[in-house]
Amino acid sequence: MTLVFASNNAHKLAEVRNIMPAGIDVLSLHDIGFEQEIEENGTTLEENSKIKAETVCQWLKSSNRQSSNRQSSNRQSIDGVFADDTGLEIDALGGKPGVYTARWYRLNDGMSAALNDEMMIFAANRKKALTELADKEDRGAQFRTVITLILFENTDIQVSGIVRGRIAEEEYGQGGFGYDPLFIPEGYDKTFGELPAEIKNNISHRARALAELVKLLNPSE
């Protein structure tokens, strides 16, 4: 089976490819020549995940695509498209930032210009999280990932995965991406930024959502 993962995020792509079992090939948006911006205007993780999957699916089905031979070959072998949307939900903040997790730094802080550098965005988001929790005793939080899969046989699947934990009082570790240097999963005393990738890939929200997806794709396993 060959599936398109509706993302060009190198960190996410590597994580997904490491988790997916043998027999399921994962292509990125770059691999199929998809270059347009997807407007994620949903108000929930479920809506944004579906918007991304549907947009790429419709693009693939379009009959007037111009592409290289490699991209044409890739498209002909594709069985479907899946997309994820992930939110950090902090207990003391009523579940925020939630659906706005990726660019939380821009909300209500007077910053009107968007940062273009991925690492700067990650750093700004982590700084906002620490600032918002500076006077809070409750640092409980969870990461939640929702995945939508659309198969070309008109089968739609939506699954989710959650990992509970807490927000550290400062950043630890250089691994992972996003909020990983701040998030300590339950049962561990290190952040995702400190834990080896093989451990994170076994317990993360994305890993758990992908595990549910794989169960549906391979019901005999």
N, C-alpha and C. Protein backbone atom coordinates (compact mmCIF):
# COMPACT_ATOMS: atom_id res chain seq x y z
N MET A 1 0.84 -1.19 0.00
CA MET A 1 0.00 0.00 0.00
C MET A 1 0.88 1.24 0.00
N THR A 2 0.49 2.24 -0.78
CA THR A 2 1.19 3.51 -0.83
C THR A 2 0.24 4.62 -0.45
N LEU A 3 0.63 5.41 0.54
CA LEU A 3 -0.20 6.49 1.03
C LEU A 3 0.56 7.80 1.00
N VAL A 4 -0.15 8.87 0.76
CA VAL A 4 0.44 10.21 0.84
C VAL A 4 0.18 10.76 2.23
N PHE A 5 1.22 11.23 2.89
CA PHE A 5 1.06 11.94 4.15
C PHE A 5 1.03 13.42 3.82
N ALA A 6 -0.06 14.07 4.14
CA ALA A 6 -0.27 15.46 3.71
C ALA A 6 0.55 16.44 4.55
N SER A 7 1.86 16.35 4.37
CA SER A 7 2.77 17.23 5.10
C SER A 7 4.12 17.25 4.39
N ASN A 8 4.83 18.37 4.57
CA ASN A 8 6.23 18.44 4.16
C ASN A 8 7.12 18.68 5.36
N ASN A 9 6.55 18.57 6.56
CA ASN A 9 7.33 18.74 7.78
C ASN A 9 8.28 17.56 7.92
N ALA A 10 9.57 17.85 7.81
CA ALA A 10 10.57 16.78 7.80
C ALA A 10 10.56 15.98 9.10
N HIS A 11 10.31 16.65 10.23
CA HIS A 11 10.30 15.95 11.52
C HIS A 11 9.12 14.99 11.59
N LYS A 12 7.94 15.47 11.21
CA LYS A 12 6.75 14.61 11.22
C LYS A 12 6.92 13.44 10.25
N LEU A 13 7.43 13.74 9.07
CA LEU A 13 7.58 12.70 8.05
C LEU A 13 8.50 11.59 8.52
N ALA A 14 9.61 11.97 9.15
CA ALA A 14 10.56 10.97 9.65
C ALA A 14 9.90 10.12 10.73
N GLU A 15 9.15 10.78 11.62
CA GLU A 15 8.47 10.05 12.70
C GLU A 15 7.45 9.08 12.14
N VAL A 16 6.66 9.53 11.17
CA VAL A 16 5.63 8.67 10.58
C VAL A 16 6.26 7.49 9.86
N ARG A 17 7.31 7.74 9.09
CA ARG A 17 7.96 6.65 8.35
C ARG A 17 8.60 5.64 9.28
N ASN A 18 9.10 6.09 10.42
CA ASN A 18 9.70 5.17 11.39
C ASN A 18 8.64 4.31 12.06
N ILE A 19 7.43 4.83 12.19
CA ILE A 19 6.37 4.11 12.89
C ILE A 19 5.61 3.17 11.97
N MET A 20 5.38 3.57 10.73
CA MET A 20 4.61 2.75 9.80
C MET A 20 5.28 1.39 9.56
N PRO A 21 4.50 0.32 9.52
CA PRO A 21 5.08 -1.01 9.31
C PRO A 21 5.52 -1.22 7.87
N ALA A 22 6.35 -2.24 7.68
CA ALA A 22 6.77 -2.61 6.33
C ALA A 22 5.54 -2.96 5.51
N GLY A 23 5.55 -2.55 4.27
CA GLY A 23 4.41 -2.81 3.41
C GLY A 23 3.53 -1.60 3.19
N ILE A 24 3.75 -0.54 3.99
CA ILE A 24 3.04 0.72 3.77
C ILE A 24 4.06 1.80 3.47
N ASP A 25 4.12 2.20 2.20
CA ASP A 25 5.04 3.25 1.78
C ASP A 25 4.37 4.61 1.97
N VAL A 26 5.15 5.57 2.48
CA VAL A 26 4.62 6.90 2.76
C VAL A 26 5.32 7.93 1.89
N LEU A 27 4.52 8.67 1.10
CA LEU A 27 5.03 9.75 0.26
C LEU A 27 4.70 11.09 0.90
N SER A 28 5.58 12.06 0.72
CA SER A 28 5.31 13.42 1.20
C SER A 28 4.61 14.22 0.10
N LEU A 29 4.17 15.42 0.43
CA LEU A 29 3.59 16.30 -0.57
C LEU A 29 4.62 16.66 -1.64
N HIS A 30 5.85 16.81 -1.22
CA HIS A 30 6.92 17.11 -2.19
C HIS A 30 7.07 15.96 -3.19
N ASP A 31 6.96 14.74 -2.72
CA ASP A 31 7.12 13.57 -3.59
C ASP A 31 6.10 13.55 -4.72
N ILE A 32 4.91 14.10 -4.49
CA ILE A 32 3.87 14.08 -5.52
C ILE A 32 3.75 15.41 -6.26
N GLY A 33 4.57 16.39 -5.88
CA GLY A 33 4.55 17.67 -6.56
C GLY A 33 3.48 18.62 -6.11
N PHE A 34 2.93 18.39 -4.91
CA PHE A 34 1.90 19.28 -4.37
C PHE A 34 2.59 20.46 -3.70
N GLU A 35 2.30 21.68 -4.17
CA GLU A 35 3.01 22.86 -3.68
C GLU A 35 2.10 23.93 -3.09
N GLN A 36 0.80 23.80 -3.20
CA GLN A 36 -0.09 24.86 -2.75
C GLN A 36 -0.25 24.85 -1.23
N GLU A 37 -0.62 26.02 -0.70
CA GLU A 37 -0.88 26.15 0.72
C GLU A 37 -2.28 25.60 1.01
N ILE A 38 -2.41 24.89 2.11
CA ILE A 38 -3.71 24.39 2.54
C ILE A 38 -4.22 25.28 3.66
N GLU A 39 -5.40 25.86 3.46
CA GLU A 39 -5.96 26.74 4.47
C GLU A 39 -6.63 25.91 5.56
N GLU A 40 -6.00 25.87 6.71
CA GLU A 40 -6.54 25.11 7.84
C GLU A 40 -7.45 26.03 8.65
N ASN A 41 -8.69 26.15 8.21
CA ASN A 41 -9.61 27.08 8.84
C ASN A 41 -10.66 26.38 9.70
N GLY A 42 -10.40 25.14 10.07
CA GLY A 42 -11.31 24.43 10.96
C GLY A 42 -11.18 24.92 12.39
N THR A 43 -12.16 24.63 13.20
CA THR A 43 -12.14 25.05 14.60
C THR A 43 -11.81 23.90 15.55
N THR A 44 -11.59 22.71 14.98
CA THR A 44 -11.20 21.54 15.78
C THR A 44 -10.08 20.80 15.07
N LEU A 45 -9.38 19.95 15.81
CA LEU A 45 -8.34 19.11 15.20
C LEU A 45 -8.96 18.19 14.16
N GLU A 46 -10.16 17.68 14.46
CA GLU A 46 -10.85 16.78 13.53
C GLU A 46 -11.12 17.47 12.19
N GLU A 47 -11.58 18.71 12.26
CA GLU A 47 -11.90 19.44 11.03
C GLU A 47 -10.64 19.73 10.22
N ASN A 48 -9.58 20.19 10.86
CA ASN A 48 -8.36 20.52 10.13
C ASN A 48 -7.71 19.29 9.51
N SER A 49 -7.73 18.19 10.24
CA SER A 49 -7.18 16.95 9.71
C SER A 49 -7.93 16.54 8.44
N LYS A 50 -9.25 16.64 8.47
CA LYS A 50 -10.06 16.26 7.31
C LYS A 50 -9.86 17.23 6.15
N ILE A 51 -9.75 18.53 6.45
CA ILE A 51 -9.53 19.52 5.40
C ILE A 51 -8.25 19.21 4.62
N LYS A 52 -7.19 18.91 5.34
CA LYS A 52 -5.90 18.63 4.69
C LYS A 52 -5.97 17.38 3.82
N ALA A 53 -6.57 16.32 4.36
CA ALA A 53 -6.66 15.08 3.59
C ALA A 53 -7.53 15.26 2.36
N GLU A 54 -8.67 15.93 2.51
CA GLU A 54 -9.58 16.12 1.38
C GLU A 54 -8.97 17.01 0.30
N THR A 55 -8.24 18.04 0.70
CA THR A 55 -7.63 18.94 -0.28
C THR A 55 -6.63 18.21 -1.15
N VAL A 56 -5.78 17.42 -0.54
CA VAL A 56 -4.77 16.68 -1.30
C VAL A 56 -5.42 15.59 -2.13
N CYS A 57 -6.43 14.94 -1.58
CA CYS A 57 -7.15 13.89 -2.31
C CYS A 57 -7.78 14.45 -3.59
N GLN A 58 -8.45 15.58 -3.48
CA GLN A 58 -9.08 16.20 -4.65
C GLN A 58 -8.03 16.64 -5.67
N TRP A 59 -6.94 17.13 -5.19
CA TRP A 59 -5.85 17.55 -6.09
C TRP A 59 -5.33 16.35 -6.89
N LEU A 60 -5.16 15.22 -6.21
CA LEU A 60 -4.68 14.01 -6.88
C LEU A 60 -5.66 13.50 -7.92
N LYS A 61 -6.94 13.67 -7.64
CA LYS A 61 -7.97 13.16 -8.55
C LYS A 61 -8.18 14.07 -9.76
N SER A 62 -7.67 15.28 -9.68
CA SER A 62 -7.86 16.21 -10.79
C SER A 62 -7.25 15.63 -12.06
N SER A 63 -7.95 15.79 -13.17
CA SER A 63 -7.53 15.13 -14.42
C SER A 63 -6.57 15.95 -15.26
N ASN A 64 -6.30 17.19 -14.87
CA ASN A 64 -5.47 18.03 -15.74
C ASN A 64 -4.14 18.40 -15.13
N ARG A 65 -3.58 17.47 -14.33
CA ARG A 65 -2.30 17.73 -13.69
C ARG A 65 -1.14 17.58 -14.68
N GLN A 66 -0.19 18.51 -14.60
CA GLN A 66 1.05 18.40 -15.34
C GLN A 66 2.13 18.00 -14.35
N SER A 67 2.90 16.97 -14.64
CA SER A 67 3.90 16.52 -13.68
C SER A 67 5.05 15.83 -14.38
N SER A 68 6.12 15.63 -13.59
CA SER A 68 7.28 14.89 -14.10
C SER A 68 6.91 13.42 -14.18
N ASN A 69 7.76 12.64 -14.86
CA ASN A 69 7.49 11.20 -14.97
C ASN A 69 7.48 10.53 -13.61
N ARG A 70 8.41 10.97 -12.74
CA ARG A 70 8.49 10.37 -11.41
C ARG A 70 7.23 10.65 -10.62
N GLN A 71 6.76 11.87 -10.69
CA GLN A 71 5.56 12.22 -9.96
C GLN A 71 4.34 11.50 -10.53
N SER A 72 4.28 11.35 -11.85
CA SER A 72 3.17 10.63 -12.46
C SER A 72 3.16 9.18 -12.00
N SER A 73 4.34 8.57 -11.94
CA SER A 73 4.45 7.19 -11.49
C SER A 73 4.01 7.07 -10.04
N ASN A 74 4.43 8.02 -9.21
CA ASN A 74 4.02 8.02 -7.80
C ASN A 74 2.51 8.07 -7.68
N ARG A 75 1.88 8.96 -8.44
CA ARG A 75 0.44 9.16 -8.32
C ARG A 75 -0.36 7.93 -8.73
N GLN A 76 0.11 7.25 -9.75
CA GLN A 76 -0.62 6.09 -10.25
C GLN A 76 -0.66 4.96 -9.23
N SER A 77 0.30 4.92 -8.32
CA SER A 77 0.38 3.82 -7.36
C SER A 77 -0.21 4.17 -6.00
N ILE A 78 -0.76 5.36 -5.86
CA ILE A 78 -1.25 5.82 -4.56
C ILE A 78 -2.62 5.22 -4.25
N ASP A 79 -2.76 4.75 -3.00
CA ASP A 79 -4.02 4.16 -2.55
C ASP A 79 -4.88 5.13 -1.76
N GLY A 80 -4.27 6.18 -1.23
CA GLY A 80 -5.04 7.13 -0.44
C GLY A 80 -4.17 8.21 0.17
N VAL A 81 -4.81 9.06 0.94
CA VAL A 81 -4.13 10.20 1.57
C VAL A 81 -4.50 10.24 3.04
N PHE A 82 -3.50 10.50 3.88
CA PHE A 82 -3.84 10.72 5.29
C PHE A 82 -3.16 12.00 5.78
N ALA A 83 -3.82 12.64 6.73
CA ALA A 83 -3.32 13.90 7.29
C ALA A 83 -3.56 13.89 8.78
N ASP A 84 -2.68 14.58 9.49
CA ASP A 84 -2.88 14.68 10.93
C ASP A 84 -2.99 16.13 11.36
N ASP A 85 -3.61 16.34 12.48
CA ASP A 85 -3.56 17.64 13.15
C ASP A 85 -3.37 17.35 14.62
N THR A 86 -2.44 18.05 15.22
CA THR A 86 -2.06 17.78 16.60
C THR A 86 -2.22 19.03 17.45
N GLY A 87 -2.71 18.85 18.65
CA GLY A 87 -2.86 19.97 19.55
C GLY A 87 -2.28 19.67 20.92
N LEU A 88 -1.66 20.67 21.51
CA LEU A 88 -1.24 20.61 22.90
C LEU A 88 -2.39 21.20 23.71
N GLU A 89 -2.90 20.45 24.66
CA GLU A 89 -4.04 20.89 25.46
C GLU A 89 -3.62 20.97 26.92
N ILE A 90 -3.51 22.19 27.42
CA ILE A 90 -2.99 22.43 28.77
C ILE A 90 -4.15 22.61 29.74
N ASP A 91 -4.15 21.81 30.79
CA ASP A 91 -5.29 21.77 31.72
C ASP A 91 -5.59 23.14 32.33
N ALA A 92 -4.57 23.81 32.86
CA ALA A 92 -4.77 25.08 33.57
C ALA A 92 -5.21 26.21 32.64
N LEU A 93 -5.09 25.99 31.34
CA LEU A 93 -5.49 27.01 30.36
C LEU A 93 -6.77 26.61 29.63
N GLY A 94 -7.51 25.69 30.21
CA GLY A 94 -8.78 25.30 29.62
C GLY A 94 -8.65 24.57 28.29
N GLY A 95 -7.53 23.86 28.11
CA GLY A 95 -7.32 23.11 26.87
C GLY A 95 -6.58 23.87 25.79
N LYS A 96 -6.20 25.11 26.05
CA LYS A 96 -5.41 25.87 25.08
C LYS A 96 -3.97 25.34 25.06
N PRO A 97 -3.29 25.53 23.92
CA PRO A 97 -3.69 26.21 22.69
C PRO A 97 -4.55 25.37 21.75
N GLY A 98 -4.61 24.05 21.94
CA GLY A 98 -5.49 23.21 21.14
C GLY A 98 -5.27 23.33 19.65
N VAL A 99 -6.31 23.70 18.93
CA VAL A 99 -6.24 23.75 17.47
C VAL A 99 -5.27 24.84 16.98
N TYR A 100 -4.89 25.76 17.86
CA TYR A 100 -3.98 26.84 17.49
C TYR A 100 -2.53 26.56 17.90
N THR A 101 -2.23 25.30 18.20
CA THR A 101 -0.93 24.92 18.74
C THR A 101 0.24 25.35 17.88
N ALA A 102 0.14 25.18 16.56
CA ALA A 102 1.28 25.40 15.68
C ALA A 102 1.79 26.83 15.69
N ARG A 103 0.87 27.80 15.79
CA ARG A 103 1.29 29.21 15.77
C ARG A 103 0.67 29.98 16.95
N TRP A 104 0.73 29.37 18.09
CA TRP A 104 0.16 29.94 19.30
C TRP A 104 0.79 31.30 19.64
N TYR A 105 2.06 31.45 19.32
CA TYR A 105 2.79 32.66 19.68
C TYR A 105 2.13 33.93 19.12
N ARG A 106 1.34 33.78 18.07
CA ARG A 106 0.73 34.95 17.44
C ARG A 106 -0.56 35.40 18.09
N LEU A 107 -1.10 34.60 18.98
CA LEU A 107 -2.40 34.92 19.56
C LEU A 107 -2.28 35.84 20.78
N ASN A 108 -2.93 36.99 20.70
CA ASN A 108 -3.06 37.90 21.85
C ASN A 108 -1.74 38.33 22.47
N ASP A 109 -0.71 38.42 21.66
CA ASP A 109 0.57 38.88 22.21
C ASP A 109 1.12 40.09 21.45
N GLY A 110 0.29 40.68 20.60
CA GLY A 110 0.73 41.87 19.90
C GLY A 110 1.62 41.61 18.72
N MET A 111 1.89 40.37 18.39
CA MET A 111 2.77 40.06 17.27
C MET A 111 1.92 39.84 16.03
N SER A 112 1.97 40.76 15.09
CA SER A 112 1.13 40.67 13.89
C SER A 112 1.83 39.96 12.75
N ALA A 113 3.15 40.01 12.73
CA ALA A 113 3.90 39.40 11.63
C ALA A 113 4.16 37.93 11.92
N ALA A 114 4.01 37.10 10.90
CA ALA A 114 4.26 35.67 11.05
C ALA A 114 5.75 35.39 10.89
N LEU A 115 6.26 34.50 11.74
CA LEU A 115 7.64 34.06 11.59
C LEU A 115 7.69 33.03 10.47
N ASN A 116 8.75 33.07 9.69
CA ASN A 116 8.90 32.13 8.58
C ASN A 116 9.84 30.98 8.91
N ASP A 117 10.74 31.20 9.85
CA ASP A 117 11.71 30.17 10.21
C ASP A 117 11.09 29.18 11.20
N GLU A 118 11.14 27.90 10.86
CA GLU A 118 10.49 26.86 11.66
C GLU A 118 11.02 26.84 13.09
N MET A 119 12.33 26.94 13.26
CA MET A 119 12.92 26.87 14.59
C MET A 119 12.52 28.09 15.44
N MET A 120 12.39 29.25 14.79
CA MET A 120 11.96 30.45 15.51
C MET A 120 10.51 30.31 15.97
N ILE A 121 9.67 29.70 15.13
CA ILE A 121 8.28 29.46 15.50
C ILE A 121 8.21 28.54 16.71
N PHE A 122 8.96 27.43 16.66
CA PHE A 122 8.99 26.49 17.78
C PHE A 122 9.40 27.20 19.07
N ALA A 123 10.47 28.01 18.98
CA ALA A 123 10.99 28.69 20.17
C ALA A 123 9.97 29.69 20.72
N ALA A 124 9.29 30.43 19.83
CA ALA A 124 8.29 31.41 20.26
C ALA A 124 7.10 30.73 20.93
N ASN A 125 6.69 29.58 20.40
CA ASN A 125 5.58 28.84 21.00
C ASN A 125 5.94 28.34 22.39
N ARG A 126 7.15 27.81 22.54
CA ARG A 126 7.57 27.31 23.86
C ARG A 126 7.66 28.44 24.88
N LYS A 127 8.17 29.59 24.43
CA LYS A 127 8.26 30.75 25.32
C LYS A 127 6.88 31.17 25.80
N LYS A 128 5.90 31.15 24.90
CA LYS A 128 4.54 31.53 25.27
C LYS A 128 3.97 30.55 26.28
N ALA A 129 4.23 29.26 26.08
CA ALA A 129 3.73 28.25 27.02
C ALA A 129 4.28 28.50 28.42
N LEU A 130 5.57 28.76 28.53
CA LEU A 130 6.18 29.02 29.83
C LEU A 130 5.64 30.29 30.46
N THR A 131 5.42 31.31 29.64
CA THR A 131 4.88 32.57 30.16
C THR A 131 3.46 32.39 30.68
N GLU A 132 2.63 31.67 29.92
CA GLU A 132 1.23 31.47 30.31
C GLU A 132 1.11 30.66 31.60
N LEU A 133 2.09 29.79 31.87
CA LEU A 133 2.02 28.92 33.04
C LEU A 133 2.88 29.42 34.21
N ALA A 134 3.45 30.59 34.07
CA ALA A 134 4.39 31.10 35.07
C ALA A 134 3.78 31.14 36.48
N ASP A 135 2.50 31.45 36.60
CA ASP A 135 1.87 31.57 37.92
C ASP A 135 0.90 30.43 38.19
N LYS A 136 1.02 29.34 37.45
CA LYS A 136 0.09 28.20 37.60
C LYS A 136 0.78 27.03 38.31
N GLU A 137 0.08 26.44 39.29
CA GLU A 137 0.60 25.25 39.96
C GLU A 137 0.32 23.99 39.14
N ASP A 138 -0.85 23.95 38.54
CA ASP A 138 -1.24 22.80 37.72
C ASP A 138 -0.54 22.90 36.37
N ARG A 139 0.34 21.94 36.08
CA ARG A 139 1.06 21.94 34.82
C ARG A 139 0.70 20.72 33.97
N GLY A 140 -0.44 20.11 34.31
CA GLY A 140 -0.90 18.96 33.55
C GLY A 140 -1.27 19.34 32.12
N ALA A 141 -1.02 18.42 31.19
CA ALA A 141 -1.29 18.69 29.78
C ALA A 141 -1.37 17.38 29.02
N GLN A 142 -1.84 17.47 27.79
CA GLN A 142 -1.82 16.30 26.92
C GLN A 142 -1.62 16.75 25.49
N PHE A 143 -0.98 15.87 24.74
CA PHE A 143 -0.91 16.02 23.30
C PHE A 143 -1.98 15.12 22.70
N ARG A 144 -2.70 15.63 21.73
CA ARG A 144 -3.73 14.82 21.05
C ARG A 144 -3.54 14.96 19.55
N THR A 145 -3.48 13.84 18.87
CA THR A 145 -3.36 13.80 17.41
C THR A 145 -4.60 13.16 16.81
N VAL A 146 -5.14 13.79 15.78
CA VAL A 146 -6.25 13.23 15.02
C VAL A 146 -5.77 12.98 13.59
N ILE A 147 -5.98 11.78 13.10
CA ILE A 147 -5.58 11.42 11.74
C ILE A 147 -6.82 11.09 10.92
N THR A 148 -6.89 11.68 9.74
CA THR A 148 -7.94 11.35 8.77
C THR A 148 -7.30 10.64 7.58
N LEU A 149 -7.81 9.48 7.24
CA LEU A 149 -7.36 8.74 6.06
C LEU A 149 -8.50 8.67 5.06
N ILE A 150 -8.21 9.04 3.83
CA ILE A 150 -9.18 8.89 2.75
C ILE A 150 -8.59 7.94 1.72
N LEU A 151 -9.21 6.79 1.57
CA LEU A 151 -8.80 5.83 0.55
C LEU A 151 -9.60 6.11 -0.72
N PHE A 152 -9.00 5.85 -1.87
CA PHE A 152 -9.66 6.17 -3.13
C PHE A 152 -10.86 5.28 -3.43
N GLU A 153 -11.06 4.28 -2.59
CA GLU A 153 -12.27 3.46 -2.74
C GLU A 153 -13.42 4.06 -1.92
N ASN A 154 -13.25 5.36 -1.60
CA ASN A 154 -14.27 6.13 -0.89
C ASN A 154 -14.48 5.69 0.55
N THR A 155 -13.40 5.23 1.16
CA THR A 155 -13.44 4.89 2.57
C THR A 155 -12.75 5.99 3.37
N ASP A 156 -13.47 6.57 4.33
CA ASP A 156 -12.90 7.59 5.20
C ASP A 156 -12.74 7.01 6.60
N ILE A 157 -11.56 7.23 7.18
CA ILE A 157 -11.27 6.74 8.52
C ILE A 157 -10.72 7.90 9.34
N GLN A 158 -11.16 8.02 10.59
CA GLN A 158 -10.59 9.03 11.47
C GLN A 158 -10.29 8.39 12.82
N VAL A 159 -9.04 8.55 13.27
CA VAL A 159 -8.60 7.97 14.54
C VAL A 159 -7.86 9.03 15.33
N SER A 160 -7.65 8.76 16.61
CA SER A 160 -6.94 9.73 17.44
C SER A 160 -6.02 9.01 18.42
N GLY A 161 -5.07 9.77 18.95
CA GLY A 161 -4.15 9.25 19.96
C GLY A 161 -3.82 10.35 20.96
N ILE A 162 -3.73 9.97 22.23
CA ILE A 162 -3.47 10.94 23.30
C ILE A 162 -2.33 10.44 24.17
N VAL A 163 -1.46 11.36 24.57
CA VAL A 163 -0.46 11.06 25.60
C VAL A 163 -0.55 12.15 26.67
N ARG A 164 -0.75 11.71 27.90
CA ARG A 164 -0.83 12.65 29.02
C ARG A 164 0.57 12.94 29.56
N GLY A 165 0.69 14.08 30.23
CA GLY A 165 1.97 14.45 30.80
C GLY A 165 1.87 15.79 31.50
N ARG A 166 3.00 16.47 31.57
CA ARG A 166 3.02 17.79 32.21
C ARG A 166 4.04 18.68 31.51
N ILE A 167 3.88 19.98 31.73
CA ILE A 167 4.78 20.95 31.13
C ILE A 167 5.91 21.25 32.12
N ALA A 168 7.15 21.09 31.70
CA ALA A 168 8.30 21.38 32.56
C ALA A 168 8.40 22.88 32.82
N GLU A 169 9.16 23.25 33.82
CA GLU A 169 9.31 24.66 34.17
C GLU A 169 10.35 25.37 33.32
N GLU A 170 11.11 24.61 32.56
CA GLU A 170 12.05 25.17 31.59
C GLU A 170 12.33 24.12 30.53
N GLU A 171 13.03 24.49 29.49
CA GLU A 171 13.29 23.57 28.40
C GLU A 171 14.43 22.60 28.73
N TYR A 172 14.23 21.35 28.30
CA TYR A 172 15.26 20.32 28.48
C TYR A 172 15.38 19.50 27.20
N GLY A 173 16.60 19.32 26.72
CA GLY A 173 16.84 18.45 25.57
C GLY A 173 16.80 19.17 24.25
N GLN A 174 17.50 18.60 23.29
CA GLN A 174 17.58 19.17 21.95
C GLN A 174 16.87 18.32 20.91
N GLY A 175 16.30 17.20 21.32
CA GLY A 175 15.67 16.31 20.37
C GLY A 175 14.25 16.70 20.06
N GLY A 176 13.64 15.95 19.14
CA GLY A 176 12.25 16.19 18.78
C GLY A 176 12.06 17.53 18.10
N PHE A 177 10.86 18.08 18.25
CA PHE A 177 10.56 19.37 17.63
C PHE A 177 9.35 19.97 18.35
N GLY A 178 8.99 21.19 17.96
CA GLY A 178 7.82 21.82 18.57
C GLY A 178 7.97 22.01 20.07
N TYR A 179 7.01 21.50 20.83
CA TYR A 179 6.99 21.65 22.28
C TYR A 179 7.73 20.53 23.00
N ASP A 180 8.38 19.65 22.26
CA ASP A 180 9.01 18.47 22.86
C ASP A 180 9.95 18.77 24.03
N PRO A 181 10.76 19.84 23.99
CA PRO A 181 11.65 20.12 25.13
C PRO A 181 10.91 20.55 26.40
N LEU A 182 9.59 20.75 26.32
CA LEU A 182 8.81 21.15 27.48
C LEU A 182 7.91 20.04 28.02
N PHE A 183 7.62 19.03 27.21
CA PHE A 183 6.58 18.07 27.57
C PHE A 183 7.19 16.80 28.17
N ILE A 184 6.79 16.52 29.43
CA ILE A 184 7.24 15.31 30.12
C ILE A 184 6.08 14.31 30.14
N PRO A 185 6.17 13.21 29.39
CA PRO A 185 5.06 12.25 29.35
C PRO A 185 4.92 11.48 30.66
N GLU A 186 3.71 11.07 30.97
CA GLU A 186 3.46 10.29 32.17
C GLU A 186 4.33 9.04 32.20
N GLY A 187 4.88 8.76 33.39
CA GLY A 187 5.72 7.59 33.54
C GLY A 187 7.19 7.85 33.29
N TYR A 188 7.53 9.07 32.93
CA TYR A 188 8.92 9.42 32.63
C TYR A 188 9.29 10.69 33.39
N ASP A 189 10.60 10.88 33.58
CA ASP A 189 11.08 12.10 34.23
C ASP A 189 11.90 12.95 33.27
N LYS A 190 11.81 12.64 31.98
CA LYS A 190 12.50 13.41 30.95
C LYS A 190 11.49 13.89 29.91
N THR A 191 11.81 15.00 29.26
CA THR A 191 10.94 15.53 28.22
C THR A 191 11.08 14.72 26.93
N PHE A 192 10.15 14.93 26.02
CA PHE A 192 10.28 14.33 24.69
C PHE A 192 11.58 14.79 24.02
N GLY A 193 12.03 15.98 24.37
CA GLY A 193 13.28 16.50 23.81
C GLY A 193 14.51 15.78 24.30
N GLU A 194 14.38 15.09 25.44
CA GLU A 194 15.50 14.34 26.01
C GLU A 194 15.43 12.85 25.69
N LEU A 195 14.22 12.33 25.55
CA LEU A 195 14.06 10.89 25.34
C LEU A 195 14.54 10.48 23.95
N PRO A 196 15.13 9.30 23.82
CA PRO A 196 15.53 8.81 22.50
C PRO A 196 14.32 8.68 21.57
N ALA A 197 14.55 8.85 20.28
CA ALA A 197 13.46 8.81 19.31
C ALA A 197 12.70 7.50 19.36
N GLU A 198 13.40 6.38 19.62
CA GLU A 198 12.72 5.09 19.62
C GLU A 198 11.71 4.99 20.76
N ILE A 199 11.99 5.66 21.88
CA ILE A 199 11.02 5.67 22.98
C ILE A 199 9.85 6.57 22.65
N LYS A 200 10.15 7.78 22.19
CA LYS A 200 9.07 8.70 21.83
C LYS A 200 8.16 8.08 20.78
N ASN A 201 8.74 7.42 19.79
CA ASN A 201 7.94 6.86 18.70
C ASN A 201 7.05 5.71 19.16
N ASN A 202 7.31 5.18 20.35
CA ASN A 202 6.47 4.11 20.89
C ASN A 202 5.33 4.63 21.74
N ILE A 203 5.50 5.84 22.31
CA ILE A 203 4.51 6.32 23.28
C ILE A 203 3.83 7.62 22.89
N SER A 204 4.29 8.26 21.82
CA SER A 204 3.76 9.58 21.48
C SER A 204 2.30 9.52 21.02
N HIS A 205 1.66 10.67 21.06
CA HIS A 205 0.30 10.83 20.57
C HIS A 205 0.18 10.42 19.11
N ARG A 206 1.16 10.82 18.29
CA ARG A 206 1.13 10.48 16.87
C ARG A 206 1.32 8.97 16.69
N ALA A 207 2.21 8.38 17.50
CA ALA A 207 2.43 6.94 17.42
C ALA A 207 1.16 6.18 17.78
N ARG A 208 0.44 6.66 18.78
CA ARG A 208 -0.77 5.97 19.20
C ARG A 208 -1.89 6.11 18.16
N ALA A 209 -1.98 7.28 17.55
CA ALA A 209 -2.98 7.46 16.49
C ALA A 209 -2.63 6.59 15.28
N LEU A 210 -1.35 6.55 14.92
CA LEU A 210 -0.93 5.72 13.80
C LEU A 210 -1.16 4.23 14.09
N ALA A 211 -0.94 3.82 15.34
CA ALA A 211 -1.19 2.43 15.71
C ALA A 211 -2.65 2.06 15.50
N GLU A 212 -3.55 2.98 15.85
CA GLU A 212 -4.98 2.73 15.63
C GLU A 212 -5.29 2.65 14.15
N LEU A 213 -4.62 3.51 13.36
CA LEU A 213 -4.83 3.50 11.92
C LEU A 213 -4.35 2.19 11.30
N VAL A 214 -3.18 1.73 11.73
CA VAL A 214 -2.62 0.48 11.20
C VAL A 214 -3.52 -0.70 11.54
N LYS A 215 -4.12 -0.70 12.74
CA LYS A 215 -5.04 -1.78 13.13
C LYS A 215 -6.21 -1.86 12.17
N LEU A 216 -6.70 -0.70 11.73
CA LEU A 216 -7.84 -0.68 10.81
C LEU A 216 -7.43 -1.10 9.41
N LEU A 217 -6.20 -0.77 9.03
CA LEU A 217 -5.70 -1.15 7.70
C LEU A 217 -5.32 -2.62 7.64
N ASN A 218 -4.92 -3.17 8.80
CA ASN A 218 -4.50 -4.57 8.87
C ASN A 218 -5.27 -5.26 10.01
N PRO A 219 -6.56 -5.48 9.83
CA PRO A 219 -7.39 -5.98 10.92
C PRO A 219 -6.98 -7.35 11.45
N SER A 220 -6.20 -8.12 10.67
CA SER A 220 -5.80 -9.46 11.09
C SER A 220 -4.62 -9.42 12.04
N GLU A 221 -3.94 -8.24 12.15
CA GLU A 221 -2.75 -8.14 12.97
C GLU A 221 -3.09 -7.66 14.39
